[in-house]
């Protein structure tokens, strides 16, 4: 069997074929375009074949280049898989859970203290992000998502949250509201999620009023401030800055402690439920299935709270 070509030369050619140009391949590999061209030429000399040719300003794979690149790509994909498998094996006694930032801060994080206290041998690392991870390649074990069509293979629904008008007791100043419309006499905090959640936007004050059969807020009742993160709006409400349409699951601790109150028990469901996704390999870790089942139990308990509130 003839000796294998230099690995860097194969890597450079694979990148050029995938990226479509020497410049983009060089940017991906963090080297100069000249270095990439030199490596590709080195590979061609070793194989005794022309792999790339120029057609005007375009760089294209030759027929030999297409055959070789297709097989080479499989090999590098397998190398990447080996690296991911090794990382997962090194982390076999710990778990990575990814969730939306507000879910991490207001719902999941506080509950996980219970899990870690009862299972010290199965530590958890939390990641708050709005970007849906690739559970297998990003070395993430579980993901709490807010999508009706999640890009995951294994997942299930957790709970459908509901919004309620909440404020700090100090904002009311001892005033006892008689009608829900009186909420509009106070500063209103608005939540407008980022474009990635535009299809499932959190309801605004006008939509909430219509859902509850109330007259719309007067034109003078414009939001005092708009937030991209629900957690930031909730924190502002706790500070007495105004009323917020807070999600029941996300303001649970604030309600229990009395930092927020709900003058009128009028709730509106969100458009889609929260869900839990997992990588099947994560269930093979020690305590993997136990953690998955524990998270599902937390979701069932929250669903019961939301359903009772809806009634």
C-alpha atoms as a PDB file:
ATOM      1  CA  UNK A   1       0.000   0.000   0.000  1.00  0.00           C
ATOM      2  CA  UNK A   2       1.469   3.394  -0.993  1.00  0.00           C
ATOM      3  CA  UNK A   3       2.116   5.856   1.860  1.00  0.00           C
ATOM      4  CA  UNK A   4      -0.662   8.279   2.747  1.00  0.00           C
ATOM      5  CA  UNK A   5      -0.322  11.909   1.665  1.00  0.00           C
ATOM      6  CA  UNK A   6       0.506  14.568   4.213  1.00  0.00           C
ATOM      7  CA  UNK A   7      -2.497  15.171   6.500  1.00  0.00           C
ATOM      8  CA  UNK A   8      -2.278  18.966   6.192  1.00  0.00           C
ATOM      9  CA  UNK A   9      -2.304  18.648   2.412  1.00  0.00           C
ATOM     10  CA  UNK A  10      -5.445  16.499   2.524  1.00  0.00           C
ATOM     11  CA  UNK A  11      -7.059  18.925   4.969  1.00  0.00           C
ATOM     12  CA  UNK A  12      -6.313  21.886   2.691  1.00  0.00           C
ATOM     13  CA  UNK A  13      -7.780  20.154  -0.357  1.00  0.00           C
ATOM     14  CA  UNK A  14     -10.885  19.029   1.556  1.00  0.00           C
ATOM     15  CA  UNK A  15     -11.461  22.616   2.732  1.00  0.00           C
ATOM     16  CA  UNK A  16     -11.018  24.070  -0.763  1.00  0.00           C
ATOM     17  CA  UNK A  17     -13.454  21.581  -2.269  1.00  0.00           C
ATOM     18  CA  UNK A  18     -16.040  22.232   0.446  1.00  0.00           C
ATOM     19  CA  UNK A  19     -15.627  26.020   0.634  1.00  0.00           C
ATOM     20  CA  UNK A  20     -15.370  26.539  -3.115  1.00  0.00           C
ATOM     21  CA  UNK A  21     -12.299  28.775  -3.039  1.00  0.00           C
ATOM     22  CA  UNK A  22      -8.753  28.919  -1.750  1.00  0.00           C
ATOM     23  CA  UNK A  23      -9.440  32.195   0.063  1.00  0.00           C
ATOM     24  CA  UNK A  24     -12.396  30.877   2.076  1.00  0.00           C
ATOM     25  CA  UNK A  25     -10.541  27.644   2.846  1.00  0.00           C
ATOM     26  CA  UNK A  26      -7.566  29.671   4.109  1.00  0.00           C
ATOM     27  CA  UNK A  27      -9.860  31.743   6.346  1.00  0.00           C
ATOM     28  CA  UNK A  28     -11.389  28.591   7.831  1.00  0.00           C
ATOM     29  CA  UNK A  29      -8.003  26.959   8.439  1.00  0.00           C
ATOM     30  CA  UNK A  30      -6.409  30.151   9.760  1.00  0.00           C
ATOM     31  CA  UNK A  31      -3.541  30.190   7.243  1.00  0.00           C
ATOM     32  CA  UNK A  32      -2.641  32.171   4.150  1.00  0.00           C
ATOM     33  CA  UNK A  33      -4.046  31.479   0.697  1.00  0.00           C
ATOM     34  CA  UNK A  34      -0.526  30.761  -0.500  1.00  0.00           C
ATOM     35  CA  UNK A  35      -0.092  28.080   2.138  1.00  0.00           C
ATOM     36  CA  UNK A  36      -3.343  26.386   1.072  1.00  0.00           C
ATOM     37  CA  UNK A  37      -2.358  26.461  -2.618  1.00  0.00           C
ATOM     38  CA  UNK A  38       1.050  25.033  -1.745  1.00  0.00           C
ATOM     39  CA  UNK A  39      -0.489  22.155   0.213  1.00  0.00           C
ATOM     40  CA  UNK A  40      -2.934  21.322  -2.596  1.00  0.00           C
ATOM     41  CA  UNK A  41      -0.054  21.324  -5.109  1.00  0.00           C
ATOM     42  CA  UNK A  42       1.888  19.057  -2.771  1.00  0.00           C
ATOM     43  CA  UNK A  43      -1.051  16.642  -2.662  1.00  0.00           C
ATOM     44  CA  UNK A  44      -1.377  16.632  -6.458  1.00  0.00           C
ATOM     45  CA  UNK A  45       2.322  15.823  -6.795  1.00  0.00           C
ATOM     46  CA  UNK A  46       2.012  12.958  -4.338  1.00  0.00           C
ATOM     47  CA  UNK A  47      -1.010  11.474  -6.163  1.00  0.00           C
ATOM     48  CA  UNK A  48       0.249  12.248  -9.655  1.00  0.00           C
ATOM     49  CA  UNK A  49      -3.145  13.750 -10.534  1.00  0.00           C
ATOM     50  CA  UNK A  50      -4.640  17.171 -11.171  1.00  0.00           C
ATOM     51  CA  UNK A  51      -7.362  17.737  -8.559  1.00  0.00           C
ATOM     52  CA  UNK A  52      -8.254  21.370  -9.210  1.00  0.00           C
ATOM     53  CA  UNK A  53      -8.418  23.438 -12.371  1.00  0.00           C
ATOM     54  CA  UNK A  54      -9.345  27.019 -13.161  1.00  0.00           C
ATOM     55  CA  UNK A  55     -12.160  27.879 -15.551  1.00  0.00           C
ATOM     56  CA  UNK A  56     -11.854  31.623 -15.997  1.00  0.00           C
ATOM     57  CA  UNK A  57     -12.078  33.069 -12.482  1.00  0.00           C
ATOM     58  CA  UNK A  58     -13.694  29.936 -11.045  1.00  0.00           C
ATOM     59  CA  UNK A  59     -11.846  27.092  -9.348  1.00  0.00           C
ATOM     60  CA  UNK A  60     -13.408  23.664  -9.968  1.00  0.00           C
ATOM     61  CA  UNK A  61     -12.694  20.074  -9.027  1.00  0.00           C
ATOM     62  CA  UNK A  62     -11.570  17.819 -11.838  1.00  0.00           C
ATOM     63  CA  UNK A  63     -13.247  14.443 -12.292  1.00  0.00           C
ATOM     64  CA  UNK A  64     -10.390  12.910 -10.247  1.00  0.00           C
ATOM     65  CA  UNK A  65     -10.790  15.677  -7.698  1.00  0.00           C
ATOM     66  CA  UNK A  66     -14.516  15.021  -7.244  1.00  0.00           C
ATOM     67  CA  UNK A  67     -13.956  11.320  -6.605  1.00  0.00           C
ATOM     68  CA  UNK A  68     -11.121  11.951  -4.171  1.00  0.00           C
ATOM     69  CA  UNK A  69     -12.889  14.794  -2.360  1.00  0.00           C
ATOM     70  CA  UNK A  70     -16.051  12.739  -1.797  1.00  0.00           C
ATOM     71  CA  UNK A  71     -14.095   9.997  -0.047  1.00  0.00           C
ATOM     72  CA  UNK A  72     -11.811  12.405   1.786  1.00  0.00           C
ATOM     73  CA  UNK A  73     -14.827  14.270   3.194  1.00  0.00           C
ATOM     74  CA  UNK A  74     -16.112  11.030   4.720  1.00  0.00           C
ATOM     75  CA  UNK A  75     -12.771  10.524   6.435  1.00  0.00           C
ATOM     76  CA  UNK A  76     -12.668  14.002   7.963  1.00  0.00           C
ATOM     77  CA  UNK A  77     -16.277  13.656   9.075  1.00  0.00           C
ATOM     78  CA  UNK A  78     -15.279  10.459  10.874  1.00  0.00           C
ATOM     79  CA  UNK A  79     -12.335  12.239  12.498  1.00  0.00           C
ATOM     80  CA  UNK A  80     -14.688  14.953  13.768  1.00  0.00           C
ATOM     81  CA  UNK A  81     -17.013  12.265  15.083  1.00  0.00           C
ATOM     82  CA  UNK A  82     -14.097  10.639  16.911  1.00  0.00           C
ATOM     83  CA  UNK A  83     -13.274  13.955  18.590  1.00  0.00           C
ATOM     84  CA  UNK A  84     -16.878  14.432  19.685  1.00  0.00           C
ATOM     85  CA  UNK A  85     -17.023  10.884  21.012  1.00  0.00           C
ATOM     86  CA  UNK A  86     -13.842  11.464  23.006  1.00  0.00           C
ATOM     87  CA  UNK A  87     -15.179  14.714  24.471  1.00  0.00           C
ATOM     88  CA  UNK A  88     -18.384  12.991  25.452  1.00  0.00           C
ATOM     89  CA  UNK A  89     -16.459  10.114  27.024  1.00  0.00           C
ATOM     90  CA  UNK A  90     -14.331  12.552  29.048  1.00  0.00           C
ATOM     91  CA  UNK A  91     -17.534  14.151  30.301  1.00  0.00           C
ATOM     92  CA  UNK A  92     -19.300  10.862  31.014  1.00  0.00           C
ATOM     93  CA  UNK A  93     -19.904  11.701  34.671  1.00  0.00           C
ATOM     94  CA  UNK A  94     -21.285  15.173  33.995  1.00  0.00           C
ATOM     95  CA  UNK A  95     -24.067  16.694  31.909  1.00  0.00           C
ATOM     96  CA  UNK A  96     -24.464  19.803  29.784  1.00  0.00           C
ATOM     97  CA  UNK A  97     -27.960  21.285  29.644  1.00  0.00           C
ATOM     98  CA  UNK A  98     -28.738  24.083  27.191  1.00  0.00           C
ATOM     99  CA  UNK A  99     -31.808  26.271  27.478  1.00  0.00           C
ATOM    100  CA  UNK A 100     -33.060  29.749  26.693  1.00  0.00           C
ATOM    101  CA  UNK A 101     -31.527  32.465  28.849  1.00  0.00           C
ATOM    102  CA  UNK A 102     -34.683  33.310  30.786  1.00  0.00           C
ATOM    103  CA  UNK A 103     -35.561  29.636  31.263  1.00  0.00           C
ATOM    104  CA  UNK A 104     -32.063  29.062  32.625  1.00  0.00           C
ATOM    105  CA  UNK A 105     -32.170  31.984  35.037  1.00  0.00           C
ATOM    106  CA  UNK A 106     -35.776  31.866  36.188  1.00  0.00           C
ATOM    107  CA  UNK A 107     -36.997  28.285  35.890  1.00  0.00           C
ATOM    108  CA  UNK A 108     -34.393  25.588  35.340  1.00  0.00           C
ATOM    109  CA  UNK A 109     -31.464  26.980  37.313  1.00  0.00           C
ATOM    110  CA  UNK A 110     -33.223  27.217  40.682  1.00  0.00           C
ATOM    111  CA  UNK A 111     -34.638  23.701  40.308  1.00  0.00           C
ATOM    112  CA  UNK A 112     -31.298  22.124  39.446  1.00  0.00           C
ATOM    113  CA  UNK A 113     -29.926  22.919  42.887  1.00  0.00           C
ATOM    114  CA  UNK A 114     -32.226  20.139  44.091  1.00  0.00           C
ATOM    115  CA  UNK A 115     -30.838  17.690  41.535  1.00  0.00           C
ATOM    116  CA  UNK A 116     -27.183  18.483  42.251  1.00  0.00           C
ATOM    117  CA  UNK A 117     -27.745  18.244  46.014  1.00  0.00           C
ATOM    118  CA  UNK A 118     -29.261  14.777  45.665  1.00  0.00           C
ATOM    119  CA  UNK A 119     -26.835  13.592  42.952  1.00  0.00           C
ATOM    120  CA  UNK A 120     -23.370  15.005  43.693  1.00  0.00           C
ATOM    121  CA  UNK A 121     -21.783  12.409  41.427  1.00  0.00           C
ATOM    122  CA  UNK A 122     -23.600  13.745  38.356  1.00  0.00           C
ATOM    123  CA  UNK A 123     -22.690  17.450  38.068  1.00  0.00           C
ATOM    124  CA  UNK A 124     -24.492  19.674  35.591  1.00  0.00           C
ATOM    125  CA  UNK A 125     -23.254  22.612  33.520  1.00  0.00           C
ATOM    126  CA  UNK A 126     -25.926  25.057  32.394  1.00  0.00           C
ATOM    127  CA  UNK A 127     -25.732  26.997  29.133  1.00  0.00           C
ATOM    128  CA  UNK A 128     -28.154  29.859  28.479  1.00  0.00           C
ATOM    129  CA  UNK A 129     -28.483  30.598  24.760  1.00  0.00           C
ATOM    130  CA  UNK A 130     -31.175  31.433  22.216  1.00  0.00           C
ATOM    131  CA  UNK A 131     -29.369  29.388  19.522  1.00  0.00           C
ATOM    132  CA  UNK A 132     -30.553  25.811  19.083  1.00  0.00           C
ATOM    133  CA  UNK A 133     -27.535  23.508  19.448  1.00  0.00           C
ATOM    134  CA  UNK A 134     -26.756  20.362  17.516  1.00  0.00           C
ATOM    135  CA  UNK A 135     -26.969  18.022  20.485  1.00  0.00           C
ATOM    136  CA  UNK A 136     -24.559  15.463  19.062  1.00  0.00           C
ATOM    137  CA  UNK A 137     -21.855  17.667  17.564  1.00  0.00           C
ATOM    138  CA  UNK A 138     -22.021  20.469  20.162  1.00  0.00           C
ATOM    139  CA  UNK A 139     -21.574  18.007  23.049  1.00  0.00           C
ATOM    140  CA  UNK A 140     -24.886  19.008  24.661  1.00  0.00           C
ATOM    141  CA  UNK A 141     -26.856  16.355  26.529  1.00  0.00           C
ATOM    142  CA  UNK A 142     -30.238  18.072  26.966  1.00  0.00           C
ATOM    143  CA  UNK A 143     -31.922  21.141  25.490  1.00  0.00           C
ATOM    144  CA  UNK A 144     -34.992  22.991  26.750  1.00  0.00           C
ATOM    145  CA  UNK A 145     -36.504  24.633  23.670  1.00  0.00           C
ATOM    146  CA  UNK A 146     -39.429  26.836  22.659  1.00  0.00           C
ATOM    147  CA  UNK A 147     -40.338  25.614  19.185  1.00  0.00           C
ATOM    148  CA  UNK A 148     -43.261  23.758  17.649  1.00  0.00           C
ATOM    149  CA  UNK A 149     -40.895  22.141  15.116  1.00  0.00           C
ATOM    150  CA  UNK A 150     -37.614  21.602  16.973  1.00  0.00           C
ATOM    151  CA  UNK A 151     -34.578  20.461  14.942  1.00  0.00           C
ATOM    152  CA  UNK A 152     -33.963  17.495  17.227  1.00  0.00           C
ATOM    153  CA  UNK A 153     -34.463  13.755  16.796  1.00  0.00           C
ATOM    154  CA  UNK A 154     -35.546  12.878  20.341  1.00  0.00           C
ATOM    155  CA  UNK A 155     -37.804  15.287  22.215  1.00  0.00           C
ATOM    156  CA  UNK A 156     -41.083  15.662  24.077  1.00  0.00           C
ATOM    157  CA  UNK A 157     -43.355  18.435  25.313  1.00  0.00           C
ATOM    158  CA  UNK A 158     -42.860  19.774  28.841  1.00  0.00           C
ATOM    159  CA  UNK A 159     -45.485  22.448  29.557  1.00  0.00           C
ATOM    160  CA  UNK A 160     -47.386  25.366  28.065  1.00  0.00           C
ATOM    161  CA  UNK A 161     -46.722  28.537  30.009  1.00  0.00           C
ATOM    162  CA  UNK A 162     -49.212  31.349  30.653  1.00  0.00           C
ATOM    163  CA  UNK A 163     -48.715  35.066  31.144  1.00  0.00           C
ATOM    164  CA  UNK A 164     -50.248  37.116  33.954  1.00  0.00           C
ATOM    165  CA  UNK A 165     -50.075  40.819  34.837  1.00  0.00           C
ATOM    166  CA  UNK A 166     -47.680  41.164  37.766  1.00  0.00           C
ATOM    167  CA  UNK A 167     -46.031  44.002  39.628  1.00  0.00           C
ATOM    168  CA  UNK A 168     -44.109  44.773  42.803  1.00  0.00           C
ATOM    169  CA  UNK A 169     -46.375  45.518  45.809  1.00  0.00           C
ATOM    170  CA  UNK A 170     -44.654  48.878  46.213  1.00  0.00           C
ATOM    171  CA  UNK A 171     -45.855  49.972  42.763  1.00  0.00           C
ATOM    172  CA  UNK A 172     -49.456  49.871  43.956  1.00  0.00           C
ATOM    173  CA  UNK A 173     -48.656  52.064  46.945  1.00  0.00           C
ATOM    174  CA  UNK A 174     -51.378  50.440  49.021  1.00  0.00           C
ATOM    175  CA  UNK A 175     -53.993  51.006  46.320  1.00  0.00           C
ATOM    176  CA  UNK A 176     -56.510  48.186  45.850  1.00  0.00           C
ATOM    177  CA  UNK A 177     -57.422  47.927  42.164  1.00  0.00           C
ATOM    178  CA  UNK A 178     -61.121  47.468  41.445  1.00  0.00           C
ATOM    179  CA  UNK A 179     -61.013  46.700  37.722  1.00  0.00           C
ATOM    180  CA  UNK A 180     -58.319  45.096  35.499  1.00  0.00           C
ATOM    181  CA  UNK A 181     -58.384  48.164  33.239  1.00  0.00           C
ATOM    182  CA  UNK A 182     -56.813  50.138  36.084  1.00  0.00           C
ATOM    183  CA  UNK A 183     -53.541  48.309  35.357  1.00  0.00           C
ATOM    184  CA  UNK A 184     -53.184  50.577  32.326  1.00  0.00           C
ATOM    185  CA  UNK A 185     -52.883  53.583  34.622  1.00  0.00           C
ATOM    186  CA  UNK A 186     -49.459  52.305  35.704  1.00  0.00           C
ATOM    187  CA  UNK A 187     -46.215  52.073  33.693  1.00  0.00           C
ATOM    188  CA  UNK A 188     -46.311  49.032  31.411  1.00  0.00           C
ATOM    189  CA  UNK A 189     -43.247  46.918  30.633  1.00  0.00           C
ATOM    190  CA  UNK A 190     -43.194  45.299  27.195  1.00  0.00           C
ATOM    191  CA  UNK A 191     -41.390  42.145  26.092  1.00  0.00           C
ATOM    192  CA  UNK A 192     -40.458  41.772  22.425  1.00  0.00           C
ATOM    193  CA  UNK A 193     -38.377  38.686  21.770  1.00  0.00           C
ATOM    194  CA  UNK A 194     -35.624  38.582  19.156  1.00  0.00           C
ATOM    195  CA  UNK A 195     -36.290  37.825  15.500  1.00  0.00           C
ATOM    196  CA  UNK A 196     -35.514  34.122  16.003  1.00  0.00           C
ATOM    197  CA  UNK A 197     -38.787  33.872  17.966  1.00  0.00           C
ATOM    198  CA  UNK A 198     -40.815  36.190  15.750  1.00  0.00           C
ATOM    199  CA  UNK A 199     -43.197  33.378  14.800  1.00  0.00           C
ATOM    200  CA  UNK A 200     -43.998  32.707  18.469  1.00  0.00           C
ATOM    201  CA  UNK A 201     -43.830  36.181  19.948  1.00  0.00           C
ATOM    202  CA  UNK A 202     -44.923  36.677  23.539  1.00  0.00           C
ATOM    203  CA  UNK A 203     -48.361  38.415  23.630  1.00  0.00           C
ATOM    204  CA  UNK A 204     -48.376  42.159  24.218  1.00  0.00           C
ATOM    205  CA  UNK A 205     -50.741  44.163  26.418  1.00  0.00           C
ATOM    206  CA  UNK A 206     -53.288  44.711  23.651  1.00  0.00           C
ATOM    207  CA  UNK A 207     -53.438  40.997  22.838  1.00  0.00           C
ATOM    208  CA  UNK A 208     -53.740  40.116  26.507  1.00  0.00           C
ATOM    209  CA  UNK A 209     -56.617  42.582  26.944  1.00  0.00           C
ATOM    210  CA  UNK A 210     -58.432  41.163  23.916  1.00  0.00           C
ATOM    211  CA  UNK A 211     -57.948  37.589  25.176  1.00  0.00           C
ATOM    212  CA  UNK A 212     -59.394  38.517  28.575  1.00  0.00           C
ATOM    213  CA  UNK A 213     -62.341  40.442  27.092  1.00  0.00           C
ATOM    214  CA  UNK A 214     -61.043  43.810  28.273  1.00  0.00           C
ATOM    215  CA  UNK A 215     -61.016  47.108  26.378  1.00  0.00           C
ATOM    216  CA  UNK A 216     -57.625  47.779  24.779  1.00  0.00           C
ATOM    217  CA  UNK A 217     -55.103  49.937  26.600  1.00  0.00           C
ATOM    218  CA  UNK A 218     -55.626  53.654  25.882  1.00  0.00           C
ATOM    219  CA  UNK A 219     -53.233  55.275  23.453  1.00  0.00           C
ATOM    220  CA  UNK A 220     -51.656  57.079  26.386  1.00  0.00           C
ATOM    221  CA  UNK A 221     -50.701  53.763  27.996  1.00  0.00           C
ATOM    222  CA  UNK A 222     -47.638  53.159  25.859  1.00  0.00           C
ATOM    223  CA  UNK A 223     -44.990  50.790  27.246  1.00  0.00           C
ATOM    224  CA  UNK A 224     -42.525  52.558  29.500  1.00  0.00           C
ATOM    225  CA  UNK A 225     -39.701  50.276  28.332  1.00  0.00           C
ATOM    226  CA  UNK A 226     -39.288  47.303  25.996  1.00  0.00           C
ATOM    227  CA  UNK A 227     -37.096  44.297  26.763  1.00  0.00           C
ATOM    228  CA  UNK A 228     -35.697  41.544  24.524  1.00  0.00           C
ATOM    229  CA  UNK A 229     -35.286  39.172  27.480  1.00  0.00           C
ATOM    230  CA  UNK A 230     -38.238  38.214  29.663  1.00  0.00           C
ATOM    231  CA  UNK A 231     -35.915  37.896  32.660  1.00  0.00           C
ATOM    232  CA  UNK A 232     -34.873  41.546  32.319  1.00  0.00           C
ATOM    233  CA  UNK A 233     -38.492  42.681  32.226  1.00  0.00           C
ATOM    234  CA  UNK A 234     -39.291  40.555  35.287  1.00  0.00           C
ATOM    235  CA  UNK A 235     -36.355  42.054  37.183  1.00  0.00           C
ATOM    236  CA  UNK A 236     -37.548  45.553  36.255  1.00  0.00           C
ATOM    237  CA  UNK A 237     -41.013  44.739  37.581  1.00  0.00           C
ATOM    238  CA  UNK A 238     -39.504  43.469  40.837  1.00  0.00           C
ATOM    239  CA  UNK A 239     -37.732  46.822  41.125  1.00  0.00           C
ATOM    240  CA  UNK A 240     -41.093  48.587  40.920  1.00  0.00           C
ATOM    241  CA  UNK A 241     -40.693  49.954  37.392  1.00  0.00           C
ATOM    242  CA  UNK A 242     -44.101  48.833  36.171  1.00  0.00           C
ATOM    243  CA  UNK A 243     -46.456  45.973  35.355  1.00  0.00           C
ATOM    244  CA  UNK A 244     -45.108  43.036  33.365  1.00  0.00           C
ATOM    245  CA  UNK A 245     -46.905  40.254  31.550  1.00  0.00           C
ATOM    246  CA  UNK A 246     -44.845  37.612  33.284  1.00  0.00           C
ATOM    247  CA  UNK A 247     -44.839  33.918  32.505  1.00  0.00           C
ATOM    248  CA  UNK A 248     -46.102  31.825  35.413  1.00  0.00           C
ATOM    249  CA  UNK A 249     -43.125  29.467  35.218  1.00  0.00           C
ATOM    250  CA  UNK A 250     -40.637  32.327  35.124  1.00  0.00           C
ATOM    251  CA  UNK A 251     -42.038  34.359  38.019  1.00  0.00           C
ATOM    252  CA  UNK A 252     -42.750  31.456  40.369  1.00  0.00           C
ATOM    253  CA  UNK A 253     -40.023  32.379  42.860  1.00  0.00           C
ATOM    254  CA  UNK A 254     -40.954  36.077  42.770  1.00  0.00           C
ATOM    255  CA  UNK A 255     -44.599  35.262  43.503  1.00  0.00           C
ATOM    256  CA  UNK A 256     -43.714  32.832  46.285  1.00  0.00           C
ATOM    257  CA  UNK A 257     -41.470  35.395  47.977  1.00  0.00           C
ATOM    258  CA  UNK A 258     -43.962  38.235  47.576  1.00  0.00           C
ATOM    259  CA  UNK A 259     -41.623  40.300  45.408  1.00  0.00           C
ATOM    260  CA  UNK A 260     -44.324  40.243  42.738  1.00  0.00           C
ATOM    261  CA  UNK A 261     -48.094  40.125  43.097  1.00  0.00           C
ATOM    262  CA  UNK A 262     -50.899  39.467  40.615  1.00  0.00           C
ATOM    263  CA  UNK A 263     -53.837  41.818  41.302  1.00  0.00           C
ATOM    264  CA  UNK A 264     -56.101  40.052  38.772  1.00  0.00           C
ATOM    265  CA  UNK A 265     -55.963  36.356  38.024  1.00  0.00           C
ATOM    266  CA  UNK A 266     -56.268  36.705  34.241  1.00  0.00           C
ATOM    267  CA  UNK A 267     -54.033  34.373  32.239  1.00  0.00           C
ATOM    268  CA  UNK A 268     -53.217  33.898  28.579  1.00  0.00           C
ATOM    269  CA  UNK A 269     -51.378  30.839  27.156  1.00  0.00           C
ATOM    270  CA  UNK A 270     -48.297  31.152  25.008  1.00  0.00           C
ATOM    271  CA  UNK A 271     -48.536  30.053  21.395  1.00  0.00           C
ATOM    272  CA  UNK A 272     -46.347  26.942  21.725  1.00  0.00           C
ATOM    273  CA  UNK A 273     -45.168  24.742  24.617  1.00  0.00           C
ATOM    274  CA  UNK A 274     -41.709  24.385  26.036  1.00  0.00           C
ATOM    275  CA  UNK A 275     -40.077  21.050  25.307  1.00  0.00           C
ATOM    276  CA  UNK A 276     -37.111  18.878  26.229  1.00  0.00           C
ATOM    277  CA  UNK A 277     -34.752  17.312  23.688  1.00  0.00           C
ATOM    278  CA  UNK A 278     -31.901  14.903  24.355  1.00  0.00           C
ATOM    279  CA  UNK A 279     -29.097  13.092  22.609  1.00  0.00           C
ATOM    280  CA  UNK A 280     -29.746   9.363  22.820  1.00  0.00           C
ATOM    281  CA  UNK A 281     -26.099   8.729  23.730  1.00  0.00           C
ATOM    282  CA  UNK A 282     -26.554  10.931  26.812  1.00  0.00           C
ATOM    283  CA  UNK A 283     -29.050   8.437  28.211  1.00  0.00           C
ATOM    284  CA  UNK A 284     -26.264   5.846  28.257  1.00  0.00           C
ATOM    285  CA  UNK A 285     -24.252   7.908  30.724  1.00  0.00           C
ATOM    286  CA  UNK A 286     -24.519   7.030  34.407  1.00  0.00           C
ATOM    287  CA  UNK A 287     -27.625   8.857  35.706  1.00  0.00           C
ATOM    288  CA  UNK A 288     -28.514   9.976  32.170  1.00  0.00           C
ATOM    289  CA  UNK A 289     -31.997   8.473  32.148  1.00  0.00           C
ATOM    290  CA  UNK A 290     -32.545   9.556  35.736  1.00  0.00           C
ATOM    291  CA  UNK A 291     -31.781  13.178  34.846  1.00  0.00           C
ATOM    292  CA  UNK A 292     -34.023  13.027  31.771  1.00  0.00           C
ATOM    293  CA  UNK A 293     -36.884  11.617  33.867  1.00  0.00           C
ATOM    294  CA  UNK A 294     -36.300  14.230  36.574  1.00  0.00           C
ATOM    295  CA  UNK A 295     -36.529  17.031  34.006  1.00  0.00           C
ATOM    296  CA  UNK A 296     -39.750  15.525  32.632  1.00  0.00           C
ATOM    297  CA  UNK A 297     -41.161  15.398  36.153  1.00  0.00           C
ATOM    298  CA  UNK A 298     -40.349  19.091  36.622  1.00  0.00           C
ATOM    299  CA  UNK A 299     -42.201  19.805  33.395  1.00  0.00           C
ATOM    300  CA  UNK A 300     -45.246  17.811  34.507  1.00  0.00           C
ATOM    301  CA  UNK A 301     -45.367  19.668  37.805  1.00  0.00           C
ATOM    302  CA  UNK A 302     -45.172  23.010  36.009  1.00  0.00           C
ATOM    303  CA  UNK A 303     -47.920  21.936  33.614  1.00  0.00           C
ATOM    304  CA  UNK A 304     -50.161  21.150  36.575  1.00  0.00           C
ATOM    305  CA  UNK A 305     -49.526  24.622  37.995  1.00  0.00           C
ATOM    306  CA  UNK A 306     -50.325  26.246  34.669  1.00  0.00           C
ATOM    307  CA  UNK A 307     -53.429  24.096  34.121  1.00  0.00           C
ATOM    308  CA  UNK A 308     -54.737  24.858  37.614  1.00  0.00           C
ATOM    309  CA  UNK A 309     -54.144  28.526  37.006  1.00  0.00           C
ATOM    310  CA  UNK A 310     -55.998  28.359  33.714  1.00  0.00           C
ATOM    311  CA  UNK A 311     -59.004  26.892  35.485  1.00  0.00           C
END
